[in-house]
Amino acid sequence: MKPLPTADLQGQVAIVTGSTQGLGTDIARQLLRAGASVTLVGRNRDTGAALAEALGERCRFAACDVERDDDIDACIAATLAAFGRLDILVNNACVYDDQGLLSDRAQWLKTLNVNLVSAAIFVQKAAPHMTGGGTVINIGSTGGKFGAAGRALYPASKAGLLQLTRNLAVSLAPAAIRVISVSPAWTWSPSVASLSGGDVAVADRIGATFHPLGRVGRGEEIGQVVAFLCSQGASWI
């Protein structure tokens, strides 16, 4: 069997939600390195515009609150206007507010709306524009697969996202749209940086007690996986 090709996304166009910082930015960088054009999605206009400019001419920023359907419509329209097509959607936007059983109804609804419902609506609105087929990557979490004391909202939303992925994969396969989940364990990001005082060595030491590889992941590693999954090398996944 011939070796699988490396990720080659030349000519493809991607939207990455929650991509003005942390893991989302790392994913966007890897898609750009693989040759794709990318729309960054976030709420902070100044941060997003500056990042898009820094990442180069194949990158655009769309101010978008994923809880607002009109914003999602505008984001997709802006992407089509800028690049003429849409091939890849990465649902990465999420919130981490979680007080476990002490969480109130408003917190539950906010978390589920951002982490789960908004991903579903983004796919609903993006899929009709993937006319030649495409790839949807939903960023899940190992937190959606295992129990963790003191938490409820975030893992429940990620577990729901994993099931949504399975359903959408079957529903959209006839349109040649592949829907795949990527479930990172602890990954160096703004949230992990906050918990570790901004010290990656501290995060690695703590992460070593939970992760067989003895450290937390790096965003570029997740980004490389996403880029591969969007490529022809992953066409049977």
Protein backbone atom coordinates (compact mmCIF):
# COMPACT_ATOMS: atom_id res chain seq x y z
CA MET A 1 0.00 0.00 0.00
CA LYS A 2 1.31 3.42 -0.90
CA PRO A 3 2.00 5.75 2.06
CA LEU A 4 -0.80 8.14 2.88
CA PRO A 5 -0.31 11.66 1.54
CA THR A 6 0.50 14.43 3.96
CA ALA A 7 -2.18 17.02 4.59
CA ASP A 8 -2.68 19.04 1.43
CA LEU A 9 -5.54 21.52 1.62
CA GLN A 10 -4.60 23.72 -1.30
CA GLY A 11 -7.66 25.53 -2.64
CA GLN A 12 -9.92 24.57 0.27
CA VAL A 13 -11.69 27.09 2.49
CA ALA A 14 -12.30 26.66 6.22
CA ILE A 15 -14.26 28.34 8.99
CA VAL A 16 -12.87 27.82 12.50
CA THR A 17 -15.04 28.98 15.37
CA GLY A 18 -13.51 30.22 18.60
CA SER A 19 -10.25 30.83 16.75
CA THR A 20 -9.01 34.19 18.02
CA GLN A 21 -7.02 32.54 20.83
CA GLY A 22 -5.71 29.24 22.13
CA LEU A 23 -6.52 25.95 20.45
CA GLY A 24 -8.67 27.57 17.78
CA THR A 25 -5.77 29.75 16.65
CA ASP A 26 -3.45 26.75 16.60
CA ILE A 27 -5.92 24.83 14.43
CA ALA A 28 -6.26 27.78 12.06
CA ARG A 29 -2.47 28.06 11.76
CA GLN A 30 -2.14 24.40 10.77
CA LEU A 31 -4.93 24.66 8.19
CA LEU A 32 -3.20 27.68 6.68
CA ARG A 33 0.13 25.83 6.62
CA ALA A 34 -1.58 23.00 4.75
CA GLY A 35 -2.69 25.49 2.09
CA ALA A 36 -6.27 26.28 3.07
CA SER A 37 -7.83 29.72 3.31
CA VAL A 38 -9.37 30.34 6.72
CA THR A 39 -12.05 32.52 8.27
CA LEU A 40 -11.32 33.15 11.93
CA VAL A 41 -14.47 33.40 14.07
CA GLY A 42 -14.71 35.22 17.38
CA ARG A 43 -16.42 38.07 19.19
CA ASN A 44 -13.46 40.40 19.79
CA ARG A 45 -13.17 42.47 16.62
CA ASP A 46 -9.83 44.10 17.43
CA THR A 47 -8.14 40.85 18.41
CA GLY A 48 -9.59 38.95 15.48
CA ALA A 49 -8.73 41.56 12.87
CA ALA A 50 -5.16 41.89 14.14
CA LEU A 51 -4.66 38.12 14.18
CA ALA A 52 -6.07 37.68 10.67
CA GLU A 53 -3.71 40.35 9.37
CA ALA A 54 -0.76 38.68 11.08
CA LEU A 55 -1.63 35.28 9.62
CA GLY A 56 -1.58 36.54 6.04
CA GLU A 57 -3.65 37.12 2.96
CA ARG A 58 -5.43 33.76 3.02
CA CYS A 59 -6.93 34.59 6.40
CA ARG A 60 -10.00 36.68 7.18
CA PHE A 61 -11.82 37.50 10.40
CA ALA A 62 -15.58 37.41 10.89
CA ALA A 63 -17.01 38.85 14.09
CA CYS A 64 -19.57 36.29 15.18
CA ASP A 65 -21.43 35.34 18.33
CA VAL A 66 -22.21 31.65 17.73
CA GLU A 67 -25.36 31.99 19.85
CA ARG A 68 -26.86 34.30 17.22
CA ASP A 69 -28.18 32.74 14.02
CA ASP A 70 -27.89 36.03 12.14
CA ASP A 71 -24.20 36.19 13.02
CA ILE A 72 -23.66 32.65 11.74
CA ASP A 73 -25.42 33.53 8.48
CA ALA A 74 -23.25 36.64 8.11
CA CYS A 75 -20.07 34.67 8.82
CA ILE A 76 -20.84 32.10 6.14
CA ALA A 77 -21.82 34.83 3.66
CA ALA A 78 -18.59 36.74 4.34
CA THR A 79 -16.55 33.58 3.79
CA LEU A 80 -18.23 32.86 0.48
CA ALA A 81 -17.78 36.47 -0.61
CA ALA A 82 -14.07 36.44 0.27
CA PHE A 83 -13.09 32.99 -0.98
CA GLY A 84 -15.93 31.75 -3.21
CA ARG A 85 -16.50 28.39 -1.53
CA LEU A 86 -16.68 26.48 1.76
CA ASP A 87 -15.10 23.08 2.35
CA ILE A 88 -14.28 22.80 6.05
CA LEU A 89 -16.06 23.75 9.26
CA VAL A 90 -14.30 23.35 12.61
CA ASN A 91 -16.66 23.74 15.57
CA ASN A 92 -14.22 24.74 18.31
CA ALA A 93 -16.01 27.54 20.20
CA CYS A 94 -16.85 26.61 23.78
CA VAL A 95 -17.27 27.90 27.31
CA TYR A 96 -15.90 26.24 30.44
CA ASP A 97 -18.17 27.62 33.17
CA ASP A 98 -18.89 24.58 35.35
CA GLN A 99 -19.81 24.36 39.02
CA GLY A 100 -21.02 20.79 38.79
CA LEU A 101 -24.23 20.16 40.70
CA LEU A 102 -24.17 23.75 41.97
CA SER A 103 -24.61 25.11 38.43
CA ASP A 104 -27.90 26.88 37.91
CA ARG A 105 -30.26 26.65 34.95
CA ALA A 106 -28.83 29.74 33.26
CA GLN A 107 -25.34 28.23 33.35
CA TRP A 108 -26.62 24.95 31.93
CA LEU A 109 -28.44 26.65 29.08
CA LYS A 110 -25.49 28.91 28.25
CA THR A 111 -23.04 26.01 28.13
CA LEU A 112 -25.29 23.79 26.04
CA ASN A 113 -26.14 26.65 23.70
CA VAL A 114 -22.50 27.51 22.98
CA ASN A 115 -20.88 24.08 23.11
CA LEU A 116 -23.58 21.95 21.50
CA VAL A 117 -26.54 23.77 19.95
CA SER A 118 -24.46 26.39 18.16
CA ALA A 119 -22.31 23.67 16.59
CA ALA A 120 -25.45 21.97 15.28
CA ILE A 121 -26.81 25.21 13.85
CA PHE A 122 -23.48 26.07 12.23
CA VAL A 123 -23.47 22.69 10.47
CA GLN A 124 -27.10 23.13 9.44
CA LYS A 125 -26.29 26.45 7.80
CA ALA A 126 -22.87 25.53 6.37
CA ALA A 127 -23.63 22.12 4.86
CA PRO A 128 -25.76 23.39 1.93
CA HIS A 129 -22.73 25.40 0.74
CA MET A 130 -20.41 22.37 0.72
CA THR A 131 -21.67 21.48 -2.72
CA GLY A 132 -18.71 19.31 -3.70
CA GLY A 133 -18.53 17.59 -0.34
CA GLY A 134 -16.62 18.73 2.70
CA THR A 135 -15.48 18.04 6.23
CA VAL A 136 -16.90 19.05 9.59
CA ILE A 137 -14.63 18.68 12.60
CA ASN A 138 -16.27 18.92 16.02
CA ILE A 139 -13.78 19.52 18.82
CA GLY A 140 -14.91 17.26 21.62
CA SER A 141 -12.97 16.33 24.74
CA THR A 142 -11.92 13.29 26.72
CA GLY A 143 -14.06 15.03 29.36
CA GLY A 144 -17.08 13.92 27.34
CA LYS A 145 -16.06 10.26 27.67
CA PHE A 146 -15.13 9.85 31.34
CA GLY A 147 -16.56 10.94 34.67
CA ALA A 148 -14.95 13.76 36.66
CA ALA A 149 -15.98 14.72 40.17
CA GLY A 150 -17.21 18.26 40.62
CA ARG A 151 -18.00 18.82 36.95
CA ALA A 152 -21.20 18.45 34.95
CA LEU A 153 -21.84 21.13 32.31
CA TYR A 154 -18.73 20.94 30.16
CA PRO A 155 -18.51 17.13 30.02
CA ALA A 156 -22.24 16.79 29.36
CA SER A 157 -22.01 19.27 26.48
CA LYS A 158 -19.02 17.47 24.99
CA ALA A 159 -20.67 14.07 25.34
CA GLY A 160 -23.66 15.51 23.49
CA LEU A 161 -21.35 16.88 20.78
CA LEU A 162 -19.82 13.44 20.26
CA GLN A 163 -23.26 11.88 19.77
CA LEU A 164 -24.29 14.72 17.47
CA THR A 165 -21.17 13.98 15.42
CA ARG A 166 -22.21 10.36 14.97
CA ASN A 167 -25.71 11.33 13.85
CA LEU A 168 -24.51 14.03 11.47
CA ALA A 169 -21.87 11.73 10.00
CA VAL A 170 -24.57 9.29 8.93
CA SER A 171 -26.99 12.03 7.84
CA LEU A 172 -24.50 13.96 5.69
CA ALA A 173 -22.51 11.09 4.20
CA PRO A 174 -24.78 10.93 1.11
CA ALA A 175 -23.74 14.53 0.40
CA ALA A 176 -20.05 13.51 0.66
CA ILE A 177 -19.67 15.55 3.84
CA ARG A 178 -17.62 13.76 6.48
CA VAL A 179 -18.32 14.66 10.11
CA ILE A 180 -15.58 13.76 12.59
CA SER A 181 -14.87 14.47 16.24
CA VAL A 182 -11.46 15.13 17.77
CA SER A 183 -11.32 14.70 21.55
CA PRO A 184 -8.17 16.17 23.09
CA ALA A 185 -7.10 15.49 26.63
CA TRP A 186 -5.53 18.38 28.57
CA THR A 187 -3.98 20.73 26.03
CA TRP A 188 -1.92 23.86 26.63
CA SER A 189 -4.44 26.67 26.17
CA PRO A 190 -5.58 29.85 27.94
CA SER A 191 -7.66 27.81 30.39
CA VAL A 192 -4.80 25.45 31.27
CA ALA A 193 -2.39 28.39 31.38
CA SER A 194 -4.66 30.11 33.89
CA LEU A 195 -4.80 27.03 36.11
CA SER A 196 -1.02 26.56 36.01
CA GLY A 197 -0.01 30.18 36.51
CA GLY A 198 1.16 30.44 32.91
CA ASP A 199 3.88 27.83 33.44
CA VAL A 200 3.82 25.02 30.87
CA ALA A 201 6.27 22.98 32.96
CA VAL A 202 3.81 23.02 35.86
CA ALA A 203 1.00 21.98 33.53
CA ASP A 204 3.14 19.13 32.21
CA ARG A 205 3.95 17.88 35.72
CA ILE A 206 0.29 17.89 36.74
CA GLY A 207 -0.79 16.46 33.40
CA ALA A 208 1.72 13.64 33.76
CA THR A 209 -0.42 12.11 36.52
CA PHE A 210 -3.33 11.73 34.06
CA HIS A 211 -1.67 11.30 30.67
CA PRO A 212 0.43 8.29 29.63
CA LEU A 213 2.78 10.49 27.58
CA GLY A 214 3.70 12.42 30.71
CA ARG A 215 2.64 15.91 29.65
CA VAL A 216 -0.25 17.98 28.36
CA GLY A 217 -0.81 18.28 24.64
CA ARG A 218 0.18 21.21 22.47
CA GLY A 219 -2.24 23.10 20.26
CA GLU A 220 -0.18 22.54 17.13
CA GLU A 221 -0.45 18.78 17.67
CA ILE A 222 -4.23 19.01 17.69
CA GLY A 223 -4.10 21.32 14.68
CA GLN A 224 -2.04 18.82 12.71
CA VAL A 225 -4.60 16.10 13.42
CA VAL A 226 -7.41 18.38 12.25
CA ALA A 227 -5.53 19.28 9.06
CA PHE A 228 -4.95 15.61 8.28
CA LEU A 229 -8.60 14.73 8.90
CA CYS A 230 -9.65 17.41 6.43
CA SER A 231 -7.31 16.06 3.74
CA GLN A 232 -7.71 13.32 1.15
CA GLY A 233 -5.45 11.16 3.30
CA ALA A 234 -8.40 10.77 5.67
CA SER A 235 -11.04 10.23 3.00
CA TRP A 236 -12.25 6.94 4.57
CA ILE A 237 -12.60 8.40 8.07
